[in-house]
């Protein structure tokens, strides 16, 4: 995907717990928070590809739309419906799974609620961070994208009945995936996005199959209604509402691919963990790598091993008294390069 994540958060839980709710959050972020970092990039000052990133970012936050899209990965297909509306108090997004057990997720003001037993329950802090797979990158890092990726418009193509401009972001090294996006020529909405491997095979793909842009879109679910239509409001838990604390943990990475820079480092609570977990996030503007460091509590799920889903790979291993987990939208060889260069410098804030 061309979207960056704090994906490590949900994938760590996803690969260990295999929950459809977290998978749905990933799909939601792919279309709702897409390319947020490019908002401050001026299209007239950047190469063609980066100009499109600005267009997509603005449209994704300021357009009412509703549609059905599919997420394809590892020979699997998941179908969801997403609705996005802009109200005076901000954006509202609702994601509904259309395959398997029914799941519904609502996002507003960076908070996330999930429908459980016909009631909206706020998800904990590890999921609140999933509102955007793009972190807020400074314009100077985005300007460096042209040194990392070669952007090229590849023609006009039809997606879900709309004309789109296709743009390919080809990496200049073998340490990251290629990304291709399809942008609606009129509204600027992202209608399709693919991650491509070494031989241009599709590693994962998101695509709308049905879409309404603007017009009369159902808003009955916005604000004070739960999934059963009751005016109960969206509950806010003081516990789950807490985020992490910014720190300098003393852990460093010596072999990041060119262009990857640290976007944040925090100490945060995570569901199922006995103690707060260090999370360090790096981004090159189109992909992200997250590192989690936690005490080894000798749980059964802390054994060394690989996991993957679509373009996202995860590796975790016990190092001394710590369990180190690395997860990101990069090829396995890149993930291992990063993992093997992690060490503790001893300097802690």
Protein backbone atom coordinates (compact mmCIF):
# COMPACT_ATOMS: atom_id res chain seq x y z
CA UNK A 1 0.00 0.00 0.00
CA UNK A 2 0.98 3.57 -0.41
CA UNK A 3 -0.22 4.29 3.03
CA UNK A 4 1.94 4.24 6.01
CA UNK A 5 0.94 2.80 9.26
CA UNK A 6 1.29 2.77 12.78
CA UNK A 7 0.45 -0.60 11.34
CA UNK A 8 2.77 -2.27 13.72
CA UNK A 9 0.25 -1.68 16.44
CA UNK A 10 -2.61 -3.48 14.92
CA UNK A 11 -0.53 -6.10 13.15
CA UNK A 12 1.15 -7.15 16.36
CA UNK A 13 -2.27 -7.81 17.77
CA UNK A 14 -3.64 -9.03 14.47
CA UNK A 15 -1.03 -11.66 13.82
CA UNK A 16 -1.10 -12.92 17.36
CA UNK A 17 -4.88 -12.76 17.84
CA UNK A 18 -6.14 -12.89 14.21
CA UNK A 19 -9.08 -10.60 14.92
CA UNK A 20 -11.26 -9.35 12.09
CA UNK A 21 -11.89 -6.10 13.95
CA UNK A 22 -8.27 -5.11 13.67
CA UNK A 23 -8.15 -6.21 10.04
CA UNK A 24 -11.10 -3.94 9.41
CA UNK A 25 -9.26 -1.04 11.02
CA UNK A 26 -6.40 -1.56 8.62
CA UNK A 27 -8.75 -1.41 5.66
CA UNK A 28 -10.48 1.67 7.03
CA UNK A 29 -7.21 3.49 7.42
CA UNK A 30 -6.27 2.66 3.87
CA UNK A 31 -8.99 4.92 2.53
CA UNK A 32 -9.74 7.31 5.37
CA UNK A 33 -6.44 8.57 6.63
CA UNK A 34 -4.51 8.07 3.43
CA UNK A 35 -1.52 10.25 2.69
CA UNK A 36 -2.08 12.68 5.55
CA UNK A 37 1.55 13.59 5.59
CA UNK A 38 1.34 15.18 2.16
CA UNK A 39 -1.11 17.91 3.19
CA UNK A 40 1.66 20.46 3.61
CA UNK A 41 3.40 19.61 0.36
CA UNK A 42 2.83 22.12 -2.42
CA UNK A 43 2.08 20.31 -5.66
CA UNK A 44 3.66 23.09 -7.70
CA UNK A 45 6.97 22.63 -5.90
CA UNK A 46 7.17 18.84 -6.04
CA UNK A 47 7.45 16.15 -8.74
CA UNK A 48 4.21 14.97 -10.33
CA UNK A 49 3.73 12.03 -7.97
CA UNK A 50 4.01 14.10 -4.81
CA UNK A 51 1.50 16.57 -6.21
CA UNK A 52 -1.02 13.73 -6.42
CA UNK A 53 -0.31 12.82 -2.81
CA UNK A 54 -1.43 16.28 -1.75
CA UNK A 55 -4.61 15.96 -3.81
CA UNK A 56 -5.45 12.57 -2.27
CA UNK A 57 -4.77 13.80 1.27
CA UNK A 58 -7.09 16.78 0.94
CA UNK A 59 -9.87 14.81 -0.74
CA UNK A 60 -9.75 11.99 1.79
CA UNK A 61 -10.46 14.37 4.67
CA UNK A 62 -12.91 16.76 3.01
CA UNK A 63 -15.17 14.63 0.83
CA UNK A 64 -18.41 12.81 1.69
CA UNK A 65 -18.44 9.34 0.19
CA UNK A 66 -19.77 5.84 0.73
CA UNK A 67 -18.82 2.63 -1.00
CA UNK A 68 -17.88 -1.03 -0.99
CA UNK A 69 -14.29 -2.12 -1.44
CA UNK A 70 -12.26 -5.29 -1.39
CA UNK A 71 -8.95 -6.03 0.28
CA UNK A 72 -6.94 -8.78 -1.43
CA UNK A 73 -3.92 -10.46 0.11
CA UNK A 74 -2.36 -13.93 0.21
CA UNK A 75 -5.05 -15.35 -2.13
CA UNK A 76 -7.76 -14.07 0.21
CA UNK A 77 -10.43 -11.42 -0.32
CA UNK A 78 -12.26 -9.37 2.33
CA UNK A 79 -15.18 -7.06 1.52
CA UNK A 80 -16.21 -4.00 3.55
CA UNK A 81 -18.44 -0.96 3.32
CA UNK A 82 -17.05 2.43 4.32
CA UNK A 83 -18.90 5.70 4.85
CA UNK A 84 -17.14 9.03 5.41
CA UNK A 85 -18.93 12.31 6.14
CA UNK A 86 -17.74 15.73 7.22
CA UNK A 87 -19.75 17.48 9.96
CA UNK A 88 -19.22 20.82 11.76
CA UNK A 89 -17.49 18.95 14.60
CA UNK A 90 -15.16 17.04 12.28
CA UNK A 91 -14.96 13.85 10.24
CA UNK A 92 -16.92 10.68 10.94
CA UNK A 93 -16.06 7.31 9.43
CA UNK A 94 -17.92 4.02 9.68
CA UNK A 95 -16.56 0.69 8.51
CA UNK A 96 -18.73 -2.42 8.25
CA UNK A 97 -17.48 -5.89 7.40
CA UNK A 98 -19.55 -7.65 4.75
CA UNK A 99 -17.92 -11.07 5.07
CA UNK A 100 -18.15 -13.44 8.01
CA UNK A 101 -19.25 -12.23 11.46
CA UNK A 102 -20.64 -8.70 11.51
CA UNK A 103 -18.24 -6.00 12.69
CA UNK A 104 -18.75 -2.26 12.77
CA UNK A 105 -16.20 0.41 13.63
CA UNK A 106 -16.68 4.17 13.98
CA UNK A 107 -13.91 6.76 14.08
CA UNK A 108 -14.16 10.41 15.13
CA UNK A 109 -11.58 12.89 16.45
CA UNK A 110 -8.89 10.20 16.54
CA UNK A 111 -11.04 7.96 18.75
CA UNK A 112 -12.19 4.49 17.71
CA UNK A 113 -15.35 2.61 18.73
CA UNK A 114 -16.31 -0.96 17.90
CA UNK A 115 -19.80 -2.46 18.00
CA UNK A 116 -19.84 -5.31 20.52
CA UNK A 117 -23.14 -6.95 21.45
CA UNK A 118 -25.04 -4.08 19.79
CA UNK A 119 -23.24 -1.45 21.88
CA UNK A 120 -20.45 0.90 20.84
CA UNK A 121 -17.36 0.27 22.97
CA UNK A 122 -14.26 2.43 22.79
CA UNK A 123 -11.18 0.51 21.72
CA UNK A 124 -8.00 0.83 23.73
CA UNK A 125 -5.05 3.12 23.06
CA UNK A 126 -3.23 0.71 20.76
CA UNK A 127 -6.14 0.96 18.30
CA UNK A 128 -6.68 4.70 18.61
CA UNK A 129 -3.31 5.22 17.00
CA UNK A 130 -4.55 3.44 13.89
CA UNK A 131 -6.60 6.36 12.64
CA UNK A 132 -4.08 7.00 9.92
CA UNK A 133 -1.48 4.78 8.36
CA UNK A 134 0.38 7.98 7.64
CA UNK A 135 2.20 9.75 10.39
CA UNK A 136 2.72 13.54 10.31
CA UNK A 137 5.94 13.77 8.37
CA UNK A 138 7.69 17.12 7.85
CA UNK A 139 7.66 18.53 4.30
CA UNK A 140 11.42 18.11 4.01
CA UNK A 141 11.07 14.31 4.39
CA UNK A 142 8.37 14.19 1.76
CA UNK A 143 10.59 16.18 -0.59
CA UNK A 144 13.12 13.36 -0.23
CA UNK A 145 10.66 10.84 -1.65
CA UNK A 146 11.92 11.63 -5.15
CA UNK A 147 15.37 10.37 -4.11
CA UNK A 148 13.86 7.09 -2.83
CA UNK A 149 11.07 6.44 -5.31
CA UNK A 150 10.65 7.25 -8.99
CA UNK A 151 7.07 8.48 -9.53
CA UNK A 152 5.43 8.06 -12.93
CA UNK A 153 1.92 8.60 -14.25
CA UNK A 154 0.96 5.43 -16.10
CA UNK A 155 -2.32 6.43 -17.74
CA UNK A 156 -6.06 6.85 -17.22
CA UNK A 157 -7.88 3.74 -16.02
CA UNK A 158 -11.43 2.96 -14.89
CA UNK A 159 -12.07 1.92 -11.27
CA UNK A 160 -15.60 1.33 -9.90
CA UNK A 161 -17.01 3.18 -12.91
CA UNK A 162 -14.86 6.31 -12.44
CA UNK A 163 -11.92 7.60 -14.48
CA UNK A 164 -8.73 7.57 -12.45
CA UNK A 165 -5.13 8.65 -12.90
CA UNK A 166 -2.75 5.78 -12.17
CA UNK A 167 0.59 6.66 -10.56
CA UNK A 168 3.44 4.20 -9.94
CA UNK A 169 6.04 4.76 -7.18
CA UNK A 170 9.01 2.56 -8.09
CA UNK A 171 11.71 2.23 -5.38
CA UNK A 172 15.30 3.02 -6.36
CA UNK A 173 16.58 0.09 -4.25
CA UNK A 174 15.49 -3.47 -3.43
CA UNK A 175 14.76 -2.74 0.21
CA UNK A 176 11.13 -1.68 -0.18
CA UNK A 177 8.03 -2.43 -2.20
CA UNK A 178 6.71 -0.55 -5.21
CA UNK A 179 3.35 1.21 -4.77
CA UNK A 180 0.70 2.00 -7.34
CA UNK A 181 -2.32 4.21 -6.74
CA UNK A 182 -5.41 5.13 -8.76
CA UNK A 183 -6.81 8.61 -8.02
CA UNK A 184 -10.27 9.81 -9.13
CA UNK A 185 -9.55 12.57 -11.62
CA UNK A 186 -12.43 14.82 -10.44
CA UNK A 187 -12.70 14.41 -6.64
CA UNK A 188 -9.11 13.39 -5.89
CA UNK A 189 -10.23 10.36 -3.86
CA UNK A 190 -8.03 7.29 -3.81
CA UNK A 191 -10.04 4.47 -5.44
CA UNK A 192 -7.42 1.73 -5.64
CA UNK A 193 -3.97 1.01 -4.23
CA UNK A 194 -1.56 -1.88 -4.76
CA UNK A 195 1.71 -3.01 -3.23
CA UNK A 196 3.99 -4.69 -5.79
CA UNK A 197 6.82 -7.16 -5.25
CA UNK A 198 10.15 -7.61 -7.02
CA UNK A 199 8.54 -9.01 -10.17
CA UNK A 200 5.66 -6.52 -10.09
CA UNK A 201 3.34 -9.16 -8.64
CA UNK A 202 0.52 -7.82 -6.45
CA UNK A 203 1.38 -8.42 -2.80
CA UNK A 204 -1.80 -6.78 -1.53
CA UNK A 205 -4.47 -4.54 -3.02
CA UNK A 206 -7.37 -2.34 -1.96
CA UNK A 207 -10.00 -1.32 -4.52
CA UNK A 208 -13.48 0.17 -4.51
CA UNK A 209 -16.02 -1.87 -6.47
CA UNK A 210 -18.94 0.48 -5.78
CA UNK A 211 -18.74 4.13 -4.74
CA UNK A 212 -20.97 7.18 -4.23
CA UNK A 213 -19.18 10.53 -4.02
CA UNK A 214 -21.18 13.36 -2.45
CA UNK A 215 -24.94 13.58 -2.76
CA UNK A 216 -27.37 12.15 -0.23
CA UNK A 217 -25.34 9.90 2.07
CA UNK A 218 -26.92 8.32 5.16
CA UNK A 219 -25.91 10.21 8.32
CA UNK A 220 -28.28 8.56 10.78
CA UNK A 221 -25.36 6.81 12.48
CA UNK A 222 -23.36 9.99 13.11
CA UNK A 223 -22.87 11.27 16.63
CA UNK A 224 -25.19 9.98 19.30
CA UNK A 225 -26.45 6.65 17.92
CA UNK A 226 -25.16 3.16 18.45
CA UNK A 227 -25.55 0.40 15.85
CA UNK A 228 -29.07 -0.39 17.12
CA UNK A 229 -30.15 3.20 16.57
CA UNK A 230 -30.26 4.12 20.26
CA UNK A 231 -29.23 7.61 21.28
CA UNK A 232 -26.73 6.42 23.84
CA UNK A 233 -23.76 8.39 22.58
CA UNK A 234 -20.23 7.13 22.08
CA UNK A 235 -18.73 6.24 25.48
CA UNK A 236 -15.25 7.50 26.34
CA UNK A 237 -13.21 5.53 28.82
CA UNK A 238 -10.60 7.47 30.82
CA UNK A 239 -8.42 4.39 30.80
CA UNK A 240 -8.59 3.50 27.13
CA UNK A 241 -8.38 7.16 26.21
CA UNK A 242 -4.83 7.47 27.46
CA UNK A 243 -2.03 7.43 24.93
CA UNK A 244 1.65 6.72 25.30
CA UNK A 245 4.39 8.87 26.79
CA UNK A 246 7.17 10.24 24.57
CA UNK A 247 10.57 8.92 25.64
CA UNK A 248 14.13 8.30 24.55
CA UNK A 249 14.48 4.63 25.44
CA UNK A 250 18.14 4.22 24.55
CA UNK A 251 17.40 1.63 21.85
CA UNK A 252 18.82 2.45 18.41
CA UNK A 253 18.78 1.00 14.88
CA UNK A 254 21.96 1.23 12.80
CA UNK A 255 20.84 -0.25 9.45
CA UNK A 256 17.65 1.49 8.38
CA UNK A 257 17.14 1.77 4.60
CA UNK A 258 17.88 5.21 3.14
CA UNK A 259 15.08 7.69 3.76
CA UNK A 260 13.62 6.03 6.86
CA UNK A 261 13.51 8.46 9.77
CA UNK A 262 12.12 8.16 13.27
CA UNK A 263 8.66 9.74 13.52
CA UNK A 264 8.01 9.00 17.19
CA UNK A 265 9.06 6.92 20.16
CA UNK A 266 6.74 6.24 23.08
CA UNK A 267 6.16 4.06 26.11
CA UNK A 268 2.60 2.76 25.89
CA UNK A 269 0.20 0.29 27.46
CA UNK A 270 -0.91 -2.57 25.22
CA UNK A 271 -3.71 -5.04 25.72
CA UNK A 272 -2.55 -8.38 27.07
CA UNK A 273 0.82 -7.02 28.24
CA UNK A 274 1.88 -6.99 31.87
CA UNK A 275 3.99 -3.86 31.52
CA UNK A 276 4.14 -0.83 29.17
CA UNK A 277 5.81 -1.45 25.81
CA UNK A 278 8.34 0.75 24.00
CA UNK A 279 7.32 1.53 20.42
CA UNK A 280 9.59 3.24 17.91
CA UNK A 281 8.18 4.14 14.47
CA UNK A 282 10.23 4.90 11.35
CA UNK A 283 8.91 6.06 7.97
CA UNK A 284 10.18 6.82 4.50
CA UNK A 285 6.95 8.62 3.57
CA UNK A 286 5.24 5.66 1.88
CA UNK A 287 6.04 2.77 4.23
CA UNK A 288 6.59 2.35 7.95
CA UNK A 289 8.60 0.10 10.25
CA UNK A 290 7.73 -0.21 13.94
CA UNK A 291 9.83 -1.74 16.69
CA UNK A 292 8.30 -2.98 19.95
CA UNK A 293 10.48 -3.68 22.98
CA UNK A 294 9.06 -5.26 26.12
CA UNK A 295 10.20 -7.39 29.06
CA UNK A 296 10.24 -11.11 28.34
CA UNK A 297 7.36 -12.42 30.43
CA UNK A 298 7.76 -15.97 29.04
CA UNK A 299 4.22 -16.07 27.65
CA UNK A 300 3.53 -18.78 25.09
CA UNK A 301 3.04 -16.22 22.31
CA UNK A 302 6.50 -14.72 22.91
CA UNK A 303 8.36 -17.47 21.06
CA UNK A 304 10.61 -16.50 18.17
CA UNK A 305 8.94 -16.48 14.79
CA UNK A 306 7.76 -14.88 11.55
CA UNK A 307 4.27 -13.76 10.59
CA UNK A 308 3.02 -12.02 7.48
CA UNK A 309 -0.16 -10.66 5.98
CA UNK A 310 -0.08 -9.15 2.54
CA UNK A 311 2.71 -6.57 2.40
CA UNK A 312 3.25 -6.52 6.16
CA UNK A 313 5.87 -8.75 7.73
CA UNK A 314 6.52 -9.32 11.43
CA UNK A 315 9.42 -10.91 13.26
CA UNK A 316 9.93 -11.26 16.98
CA UNK A 317 12.68 -12.79 19.04
CA UNK A 318 13.85 -12.84 22.63
CA UNK A 319 17.11 -10.94 23.14
CA UNK A 320 18.39 -11.30 26.68
CA UNK A 321 15.58 -10.22 28.97
CA UNK A 322 13.69 -8.41 26.22
CA UNK A 323 11.21 -9.48 23.56
CA UNK A 324 11.92 -7.51 20.37
CA UNK A 325 9.23 -7.30 17.67
CA UNK A 326 9.76 -5.63 14.29
CA UNK A 327 6.84 -5.15 11.90
CA UNK A 328 6.53 -3.17 8.70
CA UNK A 329 5.44 -2.84 5.09
CA UNK A 330 8.83 -3.89 3.75
CA UNK A 331 10.22 -7.12 2.27
CA UNK A 332 11.44 -9.78 4.74
CA UNK A 333 15.11 -9.12 3.89
CA UNK A 334 14.68 -5.48 4.91
CA UNK A 335 12.93 -6.42 8.13
CA UNK A 336 15.82 -8.73 9.08
CA UNK A 337 18.39 -6.07 8.20
CA UNK A 338 16.63 -3.72 10.62
CA UNK A 339 16.20 -6.36 13.31
CA UNK A 340 19.85 -7.42 13.25
CA UNK A 341 20.99 -3.82 13.77
CA UNK A 342 18.91 -3.09 16.89
CA UNK A 343 20.94 -2.55 20.03
CA UNK A 344 20.80 -0.73 23.35
CA UNK A 345 22.96 2.38 23.62
CA UNK A 346 22.48 2.88 27.34
CA UNK A 347 21.37 6.52 27.00
CA UNK A 348 17.89 6.91 28.49
CA UNK A 349 15.71 9.99 29.02
